[in-house]
PDB file of N, CA and C in Angstrom:
ATOM      1  N   MET A   1      14.182  -0.182 -15.915  1.00  0.00           N
ATOM      2  CA  MET A   1      12.927  -0.027 -16.637  1.00  0.00           C
ATOM      3  C   MET A   1      13.261   0.591 -17.991  1.00  0.00           C
ATOM      4  N   SER A   2      12.702   0.021 -19.036  1.00  0.00           N
ATOM      5  CA  SER A   2      12.994   0.558 -20.365  1.00  0.00           C
ATOM      6  C   SER A   2      12.352   1.932 -20.527  1.00  0.00           C
ATOM      7  N   GLU A   3      12.947   2.726 -21.402  1.00  0.00           N
ATOM      8  CA  GLU A   3      12.447   4.087 -21.618  1.00  0.00           C
ATOM      9  C   GLU A   3      11.027   4.063 -22.173  1.00  0.00           C
ATOM     10  N   ASP A   4      10.737   3.089 -23.065  1.00  0.00           N
ATOM     11  CA  ASP A   4       9.402   2.972 -23.642  1.00  0.00           C
ATOM     12  C   ASP A   4       8.362   2.665 -22.562  1.00  0.00           C
ATOM     13  N   LEU A   5       8.695   1.743 -21.671  1.00  0.00           N
ATOM     14  CA  LEU A   5       7.773   1.391 -20.593  1.00  0.00           C
ATOM     15  C   LEU A   5       7.579   2.576 -19.657  1.00  0.00           C
ATOM     16  N   LEU A   6       8.657   3.282 -19.353  1.00  0.00           N
ATOM     17  CA  LEU A   6       8.561   4.458 -18.507  1.00  0.00           C
ATOM     18  C   LEU A   6       7.672   5.522 -19.150  1.00  0.00           C
ATOM     19  N   ASP A   7       7.844   5.750 -20.449  1.00  0.00           N
ATOM     20  CA  ASP A   7       7.018   6.729 -21.163  1.00  0.00           C
ATOM     21  C   ASP A   7       5.548   6.347 -21.110  1.00  0.00           C
ATOM     22  N   ARG A   8       5.252   5.063 -21.330  1.00  0.00           N
ATOM     23  CA  ARG A   8       3.860   4.618 -21.292  1.00  0.00           C
ATOM     24  C   ARG A   8       3.280   4.756 -19.895  1.00  0.00           C
ATOM     25  N   THR A   9       4.076   4.442 -18.864  1.00  0.00           N
ATOM     26  CA  THR A   9       3.608   4.564 -17.485  1.00  0.00           C
ATOM     27  C   THR A   9       3.330   6.015 -17.138  1.00  0.00           C
ATOM     28  N   MET A  10       4.256   6.891 -17.480  1.00  0.00           N
ATOM     29  CA  MET A  10       4.109   8.308 -17.160  1.00  0.00           C
ATOM     30  C   MET A  10       2.963   8.951 -17.925  1.00  0.00           C
ATOM     31  N   SER A  11       2.703   8.496 -19.147  1.00  0.00           N
ATOM     32  CA  SER A  11       1.625   9.096 -19.928  1.00  0.00           C
ATOM     33  C   SER A  11       0.254   8.782 -19.344  1.00  0.00           C
ATOM     34  N   ASN A  12       0.155   7.718 -18.548  1.00  0.00           N
ATOM     35  CA  ASN A  12      -1.113   7.345 -17.933  1.00  0.00           C
ATOM     36  C   ASN A  12      -1.329   8.022 -16.589  1.00  0.00           C
ATOM     37  N   MET A  13      -0.317   8.728 -16.100  1.00  0.00           N
ATOM     38  CA  MET A  13      -0.430   9.379 -14.799  1.00  0.00           C
ATOM     39  C   MET A  13      -1.031  10.765 -14.956  1.00  0.00           C
ATOM     40  N   PRO A  14      -1.896  11.155 -14.019  1.00  0.00           N
ATOM     41  CA  PRO A  14      -2.459  12.506 -14.081  1.00  0.00           C
ATOM     42  C   PRO A  14      -1.403  13.526 -13.677  1.00  0.00           C
ATOM     43  N   PRO A  15      -1.597  14.791 -14.060  1.00  0.00           N
ATOM     44  CA  PRO A  15      -0.667  15.829 -13.605  1.00  0.00           C
ATOM     45  C   PRO A  15      -0.601  15.837 -12.088  1.00  0.00           C
ATOM     46  N   THR A  16       0.565  16.119 -11.529  1.00  0.00           N
ATOM     47  CA  THR A  16       0.765  15.994 -10.085  1.00  0.00           C
ATOM     48  C   THR A  16       0.009  17.027  -9.268  1.00  0.00           C
ATOM     49  N   ASN A  17      -0.426  18.117  -9.866  1.00  0.00           N
ATOM     50  CA  ASN A  17      -1.122  19.141  -9.099  1.00  0.00           C
ATOM     51  C   ASN A  17      -2.640  18.957  -9.107  1.00  0.00           C
ATOM     52  N   GLU A  18      -3.114  17.877  -9.692  1.00  0.00           N
ATOM     53  CA  GLU A  18      -4.546  17.625  -9.719  1.00  0.00           C
ATOM     54  C   GLU A  18      -4.919  16.539  -8.721  1.00  0.00           C
ATOM     55  N   VAL A  19      -6.130  16.644  -8.192  1.00  0.00           N
ATOM     56  CA  VAL A  19      -6.646  15.612  -7.307  1.00  0.00           C
ATOM     57  C   VAL A  19      -7.071  14.438  -8.170  1.00  0.00           C
ATOM     58  N   VAL A  20      -6.610  13.251  -7.793  1.00  0.00           N
ATOM     59  CA  VAL A  20      -6.926  12.060  -8.566  1.00  0.00           C
ATOM     60  C   VAL A  20      -8.277  11.527  -8.109  1.00  0.00           C
ATOM     61  N   GLU A  21      -9.157  11.334  -9.034  1.00  0.00           N
ATOM     62  CA  GLU A  21     -10.459  10.743  -8.734  1.00  0.00           C
ATOM     63  C   GLU A  21     -10.572   9.438  -9.488  1.00  0.00           C
ATOM     64  N   GLY A  22     -11.408   8.569  -8.991  1.00  0.00           N
ATOM     65  CA  GLY A  22     -11.586   7.297  -9.678  1.00  0.00           C
ATOM     66  C   GLY A  22     -10.710   6.220  -9.078  1.00  0.00           C
ATOM     67  N   ARG A  23     -10.311   5.312  -9.907  1.00  0.00           N
ATOM     68  CA  ARG A  23      -9.576   4.144  -9.447  1.00  0.00           C
ATOM     69  C   ARG A  23      -8.143   4.473  -9.040  1.00  0.00           C
ATOM     70  N   ARG A  24      -7.714   3.764  -7.987  1.00  0.00           N
ATOM     71  CA  ARG A  24      -6.328   3.882  -7.541  1.00  0.00           C
ATOM     72  C   ARG A  24      -5.487   2.835  -8.249  1.00  0.00           C
ATOM     73  N   SER A  25      -4.232   3.128  -8.397  1.00  0.00           N
ATOM     74  CA  SER A  25      -3.319   2.135  -8.952  1.00  0.00           C
ATOM     75  C   SER A  25      -3.044   1.072  -7.889  1.00  0.00           C
ATOM     76  N   ILE A  26      -2.507  -0.053  -8.321  1.00  0.00           N
ATOM     77  CA  ILE A  26      -2.169  -1.112  -7.377  1.00  0.00           C
ATOM     78  C   ILE A  26      -1.105  -0.612  -6.407  1.00  0.00           C
ATOM     79  N   LEU A  27      -0.201   0.238  -6.875  1.00  0.00           N
ATOM     80  CA  LEU A  27       0.814   0.812  -5.988  1.00  0.00           C
ATOM     81  C   LEU A  27       0.158   1.669  -4.907  1.00  0.00           C
ATOM     82  N   GLN A  28      -0.791   2.502  -5.282  1.00  0.00           N
ATOM     83  CA  GLN A  28      -1.485   3.341  -4.301  1.00  0.00           C
ATOM     84  C   GLN A  28      -2.231   2.489  -3.280  1.00  0.00           C
ATOM     85  N   ILE A  29      -2.868   1.441  -3.734  1.00  0.00           N
ATOM     86  CA  ILE A  29      -3.602   0.547  -2.830  1.00  0.00           C
ATOM     87  C   ILE A  29      -2.642  -0.109  -1.848  1.00  0.00           C
ATOM     88  N   ARG A  30      -1.534  -0.609  -2.366  1.00  0.00           N
ATOM     89  CA  ARG A  30      -0.570  -1.299  -1.510  1.00  0.00           C
ATOM     90  C   ARG A  30       0.034  -0.343  -0.472  1.00  0.00           C
ATOM     91  N   ILE A  31       0.366   0.858  -0.881  1.00  0.00           N
ATOM     92  CA  ILE A  31       0.924   1.838   0.061  1.00  0.00           C
ATOM     93  C   ILE A  31      -0.137   2.234   1.087  1.00  0.00           C
ATOM     94  N   ASP A  32      -1.381   2.397   0.659  1.00  0.00           N
ATOM     95  CA  ASP A  32      -2.464   2.721   1.600  1.00  0.00           C
ATOM     96  C   ASP A  32      -2.588   1.646   2.678  1.00  0.00           C
ATOM     97  N   ILE A  33      -2.507   0.388   2.294  1.00  0.00           N
ATOM     98  CA  ILE A  33      -2.594  -0.709   3.266  1.00  0.00           C
ATOM     99  C   ILE A  33      -1.434  -0.630   4.242  1.00  0.00           C
ATOM    100  N   LEU A  34      -0.233  -0.475   3.730  1.00  0.00           N
ATOM    101  CA  LEU A  34       0.934  -0.403   4.611  1.00  0.00           C
ATOM    102  C   LEU A  34       0.853   0.785   5.561  1.00  0.00           C
ATOM    103  N   LYS A  35       0.371   1.930   5.072  1.00  0.00           N
ATOM    104  CA  LYS A  35       0.232   3.110   5.925  1.00  0.00           C
ATOM    105  C   LYS A  35      -0.772   2.863   7.051  1.00  0.00           C
ATOM    106  N   VAL A  36      -1.877   2.210   6.730  1.00  0.00           N
ATOM    107  CA  VAL A  36      -2.900   1.919   7.735  1.00  0.00           C
ATOM    108  C   VAL A  36      -2.311   1.027   8.831  1.00  0.00           C
ATOM    109  N   VAL A  37      -1.600  -0.011   8.432  1.00  0.00           N
ATOM    110  CA  VAL A  37      -0.996  -0.909   9.409  1.00  0.00           C
ATOM    111  C   VAL A  37       0.083  -0.178  10.204  1.00  0.00           C
ATOM    112  N   MET A  38       0.823   0.673   9.544  1.00  0.00           N
ATOM    113  CA  MET A  38       1.874   1.448  10.206  1.00  0.00           C
ATOM    114  C   MET A  38       1.289   2.387  11.266  1.00  0.00           C
ATOM    115  N   GLN A  39       0.067   2.848  11.050  1.00  0.00           N
ATOM    116  CA  GLN A  39      -0.605   3.730  12.007  1.00  0.00           C
ATOM    117  C   GLN A  39      -1.169   2.958  13.203  1.00  0.00           C
ATOM    118  N   GLY A  40      -1.040   1.622  13.189  1.00  0.00           N
ATOM    119  CA  GLY A  40      -1.465   0.825  14.327  1.00  0.00           C
ATOM    120  C   GLY A  40      -2.793   0.121  14.161  1.00  0.00           C
ATOM    121  N   PHE A  41      -3.377   0.195  12.985  1.00  0.00           N
ATOM    122  CA  PHE A  41      -4.646  -0.488  12.740  1.00  0.00           C
ATOM    123  C   PHE A  41      -4.332  -1.821  12.068  1.00  0.00           C
ATOM    124  N   GLY A  42      -4.233  -2.879  12.859  1.00  0.00           N
ATOM    125  CA  GLY A  42      -3.766  -4.150  12.340  1.00  0.00           C
ATOM    126  C   GLY A  42      -4.816  -5.218  12.149  1.00  0.00           C
ATOM    127  N   LYS A  43      -6.013  -4.984  12.644  1.00  0.00           N
ATOM    128  CA  LYS A  43      -7.061  -5.994  12.461  1.00  0.00           C
ATOM    129  C   LYS A  43      -7.567  -5.923  11.022  1.00  0.00           C
ATOM    130  N   PRO A  44      -7.820  -7.073  10.407  1.00  0.00           N
ATOM    131  CA  PRO A  44      -8.218  -7.077   8.993  1.00  0.00           C
ATOM    132  C   PRO A  44      -9.400  -6.165   8.665  1.00  0.00           C
ATOM    133  N   THR A  45     -10.415  -6.157   9.504  1.00  0.00           N
ATOM    134  CA  THR A  45     -11.577  -5.313   9.217  1.00  0.00           C
ATOM    135  C   THR A  45     -11.208  -3.834   9.292  1.00  0.00           C
ATOM    136  N   GLN A  46     -10.366  -3.470  10.249  1.00  0.00           N
ATOM    137  CA  GLN A  46      -9.909  -2.075  10.349  1.00  0.00           C
ATOM    138  C   GLN A  46      -9.143  -1.681   9.090  1.00  0.00           C
ATOM    139  N   ILE A  47      -8.265  -2.565   8.646  1.00  0.00           N
ATOM    140  CA  ILE A  47      -7.473  -2.287   7.446  1.00  0.00           C
ATOM    141  C   ILE A  47      -8.397  -2.119   6.243  1.00  0.00           C
ATOM    142  N   MET A  48      -9.359  -3.018   6.120  1.00  0.00           N
ATOM    143  CA  MET A  48     -10.281  -2.996   4.984  1.00  0.00           C
ATOM    144  C   MET A  48     -11.020  -1.656   4.907  1.00  0.00           C
ATOM    145  N   TYR A  49     -11.580  -1.213   6.024  1.00  0.00           N
ATOM    146  CA  TYR A  49     -12.351   0.027   6.020  1.00  0.00           C
ATOM    147  C   TYR A  49     -11.458   1.258   5.845  1.00  0.00           C
ATOM    148  N   ARG A  50     -10.339   1.308   6.540  1.00  0.00           N
ATOM    149  CA  ARG A  50      -9.478   2.488   6.480  1.00  0.00           C
ATOM    150  C   ARG A  50      -8.770   2.624   5.140  1.00  0.00           C
ATOM    151  N   ALA A  51      -8.496   1.487   4.481  1.00  0.00           N
ATOM    152  CA  ALA A  51      -7.860   1.537   3.159  1.00  0.00           C
ATOM    153  C   ALA A  51      -8.898   1.529   2.037  1.00  0.00           C
ATOM    154  N   ASN A  52     -10.167   1.461   2.402  1.00  0.00           N
ATOM    155  CA  ASN A  52     -11.274   1.503   1.441  1.00  0.00           C
ATOM    156  C   ASN A  52     -11.146   0.406   0.371  1.00  0.00           C
ATOM    157  N   LEU A  53     -11.140  -0.845   0.855  1.00  0.00           N
ATOM    158  CA  LEU A  53     -10.994  -2.001  -0.030  1.00  0.00           C
ATOM    159  C   LEU A  53     -12.088  -3.009   0.211  1.00  0.00           C
ATOM    160  N   SER A  54     -12.300  -3.867  -0.760  1.00  0.00           N
ATOM    161  CA  SER A  54     -13.188  -5.001  -0.560  1.00  0.00           C
ATOM    162  C   SER A  54     -12.423  -6.064   0.218  1.00  0.00           C
ATOM    163  N   TRP A  55     -13.154  -6.991   0.802  1.00  0.00           N
ATOM    164  CA  TRP A  55     -12.538  -8.054   1.585  1.00  0.00           C
ATOM    165  C   TRP A  55     -11.620  -8.915   0.708  1.00  0.00           C
ATOM    166  N   ASN A  56     -12.065  -9.284  -0.477  1.00  0.00           N
ATOM    167  CA  ASN A  56     -11.262 -10.134  -1.360  1.00  0.00           C
ATOM    168  C   ASN A  56      -9.981  -9.435  -1.809  1.00  0.00           C
ATOM    169  N   ALA A  57     -10.080  -8.160  -2.152  1.00  0.00           N
ATOM    170  CA  ALA A  57      -8.888  -7.411  -2.561  1.00  0.00           C
ATOM    171  C   ALA A  57      -7.897  -7.322  -1.405  1.00  0.00           C
ATOM    172  N   LEU A  58      -8.395  -7.071  -0.216  1.00  0.00           N
ATOM    173  CA  LEU A  58      -7.529  -6.985   0.957  1.00  0.00           C
ATOM    174  C   LEU A  58      -6.815  -8.312   1.198  1.00  0.00           C
ATOM    175  N   GLN A  59      -7.558  -9.408   1.145  1.00  0.00           N
ATOM    176  CA  GLN A  59      -6.963 -10.713   1.423  1.00  0.00           C
ATOM    177  C   GLN A  59      -5.834 -11.047   0.457  1.00  0.00           C
ATOM    178  N   SER A  60      -6.012 -10.736  -0.821  1.00  0.00           N
ATOM    179  CA  SER A  60      -4.950 -11.041  -1.783  1.00  0.00           C
ATOM    180  C   SER A  60      -3.717 -10.174  -1.524  1.00  0.00           C
ATOM    181  N   GLN A  61      -3.917  -8.918  -1.143  1.00  0.00           N
ATOM    182  CA  GLN A  61      -2.792  -8.044  -0.853  1.00  0.00           C
ATOM    183  C   GLN A  61      -2.075  -8.461   0.432  1.00  0.00           C
ATOM    184  N   LEU A  62      -2.835  -8.836   1.455  1.00  0.00           N
ATOM    185  CA  LEU A  62      -2.213  -9.275   2.705  1.00  0.00           C
ATOM    186  C   LEU A  62      -1.357 -10.514   2.471  1.00  0.00           C
ATOM    187  N   LYS A  63      -1.857 -11.429   1.675  1.00  0.00           N
ATOM    188  CA  LYS A  63      -1.097 -12.639   1.348  1.00  0.00           C
ATOM    189  C   LYS A  63       0.217 -12.264   0.666  1.00  0.00           C
ATOM    190  N   SER A  64       0.157 -11.337  -0.268  1.00  0.00           N
ATOM    191  CA  SER A  64       1.342 -10.881  -0.982  1.00  0.00           C
ATOM    192  C   SER A  64       2.335 -10.201  -0.025  1.00  0.00           C
ATOM    193  N   PHE A  65       1.836  -9.394   0.890  1.00  0.00           N
ATOM    194  CA  PHE A  65       2.695  -8.715   1.856  1.00  0.00           C
ATOM    195  C   PHE A  65       3.381  -9.706   2.788  1.00  0.00           C
ATOM    196  N   LEU A  66       2.661 -10.736   3.196  1.00  0.00           N
ATOM    197  CA  LEU A  66       3.254 -11.753   4.065  1.00  0.00           C
ATOM    198  C   LEU A  66       4.361 -12.499   3.333  1.00  0.00           C
ATOM    199  N   GLU A  67       4.122 -12.832   2.073  1.00  0.00           N
ATOM    200  CA  GLU A  67       5.129 -13.533   1.272  1.00  0.00           C
ATOM    201  C   GLU A  67       6.356 -12.665   1.030  1.00  0.00           C
ATOM    202  N   GLY A  68       6.165 -11.357   0.928  1.00  0.00           N
ATOM    203  CA  GLY A  68       7.268 -10.426   0.685  1.00  0.00           C
ATOM    204  C   GLY A  68       7.916  -9.896   1.950  1.00  0.00           C
ATOM    205  N   ASP A  69       7.501 -10.409   3.106  1.00  0.00           N
ATOM    206  CA  ASP A  69       8.035  -9.976   4.405  1.00  0.00           C
ATOM    207  C   ASP A  69       7.845  -8.491   4.667  1.00  0.00           C
ATOM    208  N   LEU A  70       6.749  -7.915   4.145  1.00  0.00           N
ATOM    209  CA  LEU A  70       6.423  -6.522   4.429  1.00  0.00           C
ATOM    210  C   LEU A  70       5.513  -6.410   5.646  1.00  0.00           C
ATOM    211  N   LEU A  71       4.753  -7.473   5.899  1.00  0.00           N
ATOM    212  CA  LEU A  71       3.893  -7.565   7.077  1.00  0.00           C
ATOM    213  C   LEU A  71       4.137  -8.907   7.738  1.00  0.00           C
ATOM    214  N   GLU A  72       3.808  -8.964   9.030  1.00  0.00           N
ATOM    215  CA  GLU A  72       3.803 -10.229   9.750  1.00  0.00           C
ATOM    216  C   GLU A  72       2.445 -10.349  10.435  1.00  0.00           C
ATOM    217  N   VAL A  73       2.039 -11.567  10.692  1.00  0.00           N
ATOM    218  CA  VAL A  73       0.729 -11.780  11.295  1.00  0.00           C
ATOM    219  C   VAL A  73       0.905 -12.385  12.682  1.00  0.00           C
ATOM    220  N   GLU A  74       0.093 -11.893  13.599  1.00  0.00           N
ATOM    221  CA  GLU A  74       0.035 -12.417  14.956  1.00  0.00           C
ATOM    222  C   GLU A  74      -1.349 -13.037  15.115  1.00  0.00           C
ATOM    223  N   GLU A  75      -1.384 -14.316  15.387  1.00  0.00           N
ATOM    224  CA  GLU A  75      -2.672 -14.987  15.561  1.00  0.00           C
ATOM    225  C   GLU A  75      -2.909 -15.228  17.037  1.00  0.00           C
ATOM    226  N   TYR A  76      -4.105 -14.912  17.470  1.00  0.00           N
ATOM    227  CA  TYR A  76      -4.497 -15.177  18.844  1.00  0.00           C
ATOM    228  C   TYR A  76      -5.906 -15.738  18.801  1.00  0.00           C
ATOM    229  N   GLY A  77      -6.014 -17.013  19.131  1.00  0.00           N
ATOM    230  CA  GLY A  77      -7.292 -17.705  18.998  1.00  0.00           C
ATOM    231  C   GLY A  77      -7.663 -17.793  17.531  1.00  0.00           C
ATOM    232  N   THR A  78      -8.860 -17.348  17.209  1.00  0.00           N
ATOM    233  CA  THR A  78      -9.304 -17.356  15.816  1.00  0.00           C
ATOM    234  C   THR A  78      -9.099 -16.005  15.148  1.00  0.00           C
ATOM    235  N   ARG A  79      -8.465 -15.083  15.843  1.00  0.00           N
ATOM    236  CA  ARG A  79      -8.288 -13.721  15.324  1.00  0.00           C
ATOM    237  C   ARG A  79      -6.871 -13.496  14.833  1.00  0.00           C
ATOM    238  N   ARG A  80      -6.738 -12.464  14.000  1.00  0.00           N
ATOM    239  CA  ARG A  80      -5.438 -12.093  13.453  1.00  0.00           C
ATOM    240  C   ARG A  80      -5.205 -10.607  13.625  1.00  0.00           C
ATOM    241  N   ARG A  81      -3.934 -10.278  13.737  1.00  0.00           N
ATOM    242  CA  ARG A  81      -3.521  -8.875  13.760  1.00  0.00           C
ATOM    243  C   ARG A  81      -2.238  -8.783  12.941  1.00  0.00           C
ATOM    244  N   TYR A  82      -2.187  -7.800  12.066  1.00  0.00           N
ATOM    245  CA  TYR A  82      -1.028  -7.614  11.198  1.00  0.00           C
ATOM    246  C   TYR A  82      -0.155  -6.503  11.743  1.00  0.00           C
ATOM    247  N   ARG A  83       1.152  -6.704  11.602  1.00  0.00           N
ATOM    248  CA  ARG A  83       2.130  -5.698  12.016  1.00  0.00           C
ATOM    249  C   ARG A  83       3.082  -5.467  10.853  1.00  0.00           C
ATOM    250  N   ILE A  84       3.490  -4.233  10.708  1.00  0.00           N
ATOM    251  CA  ILE A  84       4.420  -3.907   9.639  1.00  0.00           C
ATOM    252  C   ILE A  84       5.827  -4.307  10.067  1.00  0.00           C
ATOM    253  N   THR A  85       6.586  -4.830   9.140  1.00  0.00           N
ATOM    254  CA  THR A  85       7.973  -5.209   9.407  1.00  0.00           C
ATOM    255  C   THR A  85       8.876  -4.008   9.106  1.00  0.00           C
ATOM    256  N   PRO A  86      10.122  -4.055   9.541  1.00  0.00           N
ATOM    257  CA  PRO A  86      11.046  -2.966   9.178  1.00  0.00           C
ATOM    258  C   PRO A  86      11.146  -2.782   7.656  1.00  0.00           C
ATOM    259  N   LYS A  87      11.113  -3.871   6.917  1.00  0.00           N
ATOM    260  CA  LYS A  87      11.156  -3.789   5.450  1.00  0.00           C
ATOM    261  C   LYS A  87       9.934  -3.049   4.911  1.00  0.00           C
ATOM    262  N   GLY A  88       8.752  -3.323   5.471  1.00  0.00           N
ATOM    263  CA  GLY A  88       7.529  -2.638   5.048  1.00  0.00           C
ATOM    264  C   GLY A  88       7.558  -1.163   5.401  1.00  0.00           C
ATOM    265  N   ALA A  89       8.060  -0.843   6.596  1.00  0.00           N
ATOM    266  CA  ALA A  89       8.151   0.557   7.015  1.00  0.00           C
ATOM    267  C   ALA A  89       9.132   1.323   6.127  1.00  0.00           C
ATOM    268  N   ASP A  90      10.234   0.666   5.761  1.00  0.00           N
ATOM    269  CA  ASP A  90      11.194   1.304   4.849  1.00  0.00           C
ATOM    270  C   ASP A  90      10.547   1.601   3.500  1.00  0.00           C
ATOM    271  N   MET A  91       9.704   0.686   3.042  1.00  0.00           N
ATOM    272  CA  MET A  91       9.040   0.890   1.757  1.00  0.00           C
ATOM    273  C   MET A  91       8.117   2.108   1.811  1.00  0.00           C
ATOM    274  N   VAL A  92       7.366   2.259   2.892  1.00  0.00           N
ATOM    275  CA  VAL A  92       6.461   3.407   3.029  1.00  0.00           C
ATOM    276  C   VAL A  92       7.274   4.707   3.072  1.00  0.00           C
ATOM    277  N   ARG A  93       8.349   4.704   3.844  1.00  0.00           N
ATOM    278  CA  ARG A  93       9.187   5.910   3.938  1.00  0.00           C
ATOM    279  C   ARG A  93       9.815   6.254   2.589  1.00  0.00           C
ATOM    280  N   SER A  94      10.267   5.241   1.873  1.00  0.00           N
ATOM    281  CA  SER A  94      10.871   5.482   0.547  1.00  0.00           C
ATOM    282  C   SER A  94       9.850   6.049  -0.423  1.00  0.00           C
ATOM    283  N   PHE A  95       8.642   5.487  -0.406  1.00  0.00           N
ATOM    284  CA  PHE A  95       7.578   5.973  -1.276  1.00  0.00           C
ATOM    285  C   PHE A  95       7.254   7.426  -0.940  1.00  0.00           C
ATOM    286  N   GLN A  96       7.161   7.723   0.348  1.00  0.00           N
ATOM    287  CA  GLN A  96       6.836   9.087   0.775  1.00  0.00           C
ATOM    288  C   GLN A  96       7.934  10.050   0.355  1.00  0.00           C
ATOM    289  N   LYS A  97       9.188   9.618   0.475  1.00  0.00           N
ATOM    290  CA  LYS A  97      10.305  10.462   0.077  1.00  0.00           C
ATOM    291  C   LYS A  97      10.250  10.780  -1.416  1.00  0.00           C
ATOM    292  N   VAL A  98       9.954   9.771  -2.229  1.00  0.00           N
ATOM    293  CA  VAL A  98       9.843   9.987  -3.669  1.00  0.00           C
ATOM    294  C   VAL A  98       8.696  10.955  -3.968  1.00  0.00           C
ATOM    295  N   CYS A  99       7.555  10.757  -3.331  1.00  0.00           N
ATOM    296  CA  CYS A  99       6.406  11.656  -3.549  1.00  0.00           C
ATOM    297  C   CYS A  99       6.762  13.090  -3.135  1.00  0.00           C
ATOM    298  N   ASP A 100       7.442  13.237  -2.003  1.00  0.00           N
ATOM    299  CA  ASP A 100       7.838  14.579  -1.545  1.00  0.00           C
ATOM    300  C   ASP A 100       8.775  15.247  -2.555  1.00  0.00           C
ATOM    301  N   GLU A 101       9.699  14.475  -3.111  1.00  0.00           N
ATOM    302  CA  GLU A 101      10.645  15.018  -4.082  1.00  0.00           C
ATOM    303  C   GLU A 101       9.931  15.428  -5.376  1.00  0.00           C
ATOM    304  N   ILE A 102       9.004  14.600  -5.808  1.00  0.00           N
ATOM    305  CA  ILE A 102       8.305  14.873  -7.076  1.00  0.00           C
ATOM    306  C   ILE A 102       7.296  16.006  -6.906  1.00  0.00           C
ATOM    307  N   LEU A 103       6.539  15.969  -5.816  1.00  0.00           N
ATOM    308  CA  LEU A 103       5.467  16.944  -5.626  1.00  0.00           C
ATOM    309  C   LEU A 103       5.934  18.209  -4.898  1.00  0.00           C
ATOM    310  N   GLY A 104       7.060  18.120  -4.210  1.00  0.00           N
ATOM    311  CA  GLY A 104       7.517  19.223  -3.369  1.00  0.00           C
ATOM    312  C   GLY A 104       8.181  20.277  -4.127  1.00  0.00           C
TER     313      GLY A 104
END
């Protein structure tokens, strides 16, 4: 990542000791979805409510996760259930580790 891009990204971030209100970043949304699925809530409606997303936003993210092998889908009849893959779980753990290092 170029230094200029990093500077611009960091300048838009709130101080780490403040509670963030308002819109979440796409990274925060994606990690929230993965965390929800990791906790065992794999039905789309459960994910939508627990991650506080609209149906359309959730669907686009789920599609992206499936393409990136972060989630897998189990279909039974007309229903679906999502499960986190080892790659997705590693991503959540890595993100948490970075947050712990920065905020800790």
